[in-house]
Amino acid sequence: KIFMNTLKYLQSNEFLLDVDLWRLFANLEELNKISLGFLKSFFETVKEHVSKSDFPMDFSSVLRKFFQGDLCQTHQIYCLNYTSAVFYLENLRQREDFGTYLKQWCEQNERCKRLHLPELLVAPLHRLTRYPLLLNNIWKRSTNETEKGFIWSLKEKVEKSIRDLEGKVKWLDNFQKFRQLQEVIIWPQVWDRDKRFFVPEYLKQSLRENSSENILSSANRLLLHEGRLTLAESTRLLDVYLFLFDDFLLITKIKRNKKKYGGSDTGLIPVCPSLAPELQSFVREGGFCTVLDQPIPLDRLTLRNIDPIHVTVFSLRNAFLIQHENRYRQCIAVFLLQAPTESAKKTWMSQIEMAISNYTMQHETKKNAAFCLPAESSEI
């Protein structure tokens, strides 16, 4: 509340007006109000019991009011915004004026006990996970069987609520990561990627409208593995960054130019904390990834190990080969890749093999389900 109320005060004096309170603190005020109401009611019950020995310790009414009311829902709303808030805060902290607000106006306040805003923002998440423990302790000490049954059912509902929340948070985190990747990964037009293709100017706009960028907009796609490798071309070694998704492999060139393909400034793109640290670092420096070739579907990918003795002439170590085949099993592209270490090479190869195996298994299951005929009638 120190951070939130201080920001409100500064904004009332026309400082930091562009900072969005909701994006940082979400429904924190409502959450504080409901949590405090629960604690007051809870301790009032204890107080009544202590002051009047004949007064029964009945928590049922308090628990029913709050746990069947808004207590868990307000926590869920806050928790669903948490990843976005951390993302937003991380980018605001780069600003000098926002840094002054954090350090000079808030963190030096003795009531913060030297805690920083990220450490405080996570507290409601921890609180929510402790409610089942509280309910379990009350259940253990309860002597009324009806009350025990009610408290147990509440505990199970809260645990289910937390499990559902974890799934939603993971989905949101994945969504934000892919939205960031759409900003970082640049898809050159086919005529820019390969000079063999000639397209008249009047057709280019219609082809641009069928852009490949939306390939990463699916929230159901998963990024399994990523990292930096070296691609051996005929005359040079090229720095590349690979993205292994659950349905295709994407090979991109690392670019460190300040200007994004198309003219926008990548330095202004907020960096998602769920991105790999290596990718975060060069995105902050204005870097981005340009797609080198079309995505390689996992059912069209062949992986080959390269024995060190066969590539010593090129001074390559820890090398493996990726072969892209078309639907007629013809090889249409080959990529000779070098990992920084033997361990990294083995990790890449095992990750790709596992991804191909899982992809094949899933599609075989779907295919069998599609062609599964109903059982023959006994009357025929």
Foldseek 3Di string as FASTA:
>chain_A
DQLLVLVVVVVVVVPPVVDDSCLQQNPVVVLVVLVVVLVVVQVVLVVVCVVDVVRDSDCPVSCCPRLVDCNLVVLLRLLLSLLSNVLSVVVQCVDPSVVCCQPVRGQPPVVCVNDGSNVVSCVSVVVLVCVLVVLVVCLVPDDDPVSNVVSVVSSVVSVVSNVVSVVSSVLVLLQVVLVLLLVFEAEDDPCVLDVVDDDDPVCVVVSVVVDPSCVSNDSPKAFQDKDWWWWDDPPDIFIWIWTDILWWIFIWGKDQDQADVVGHGLCPRRARPVDDPVSSVSSPSNMGTYTNDDIATLVQKDKAFDDPVVCVVVVADLWIKIFGADPVRHTDDMIIIGDPDVVVSVVVVVSSVVSSVVSVVVVVVVVCVVPPDDDDDPVD
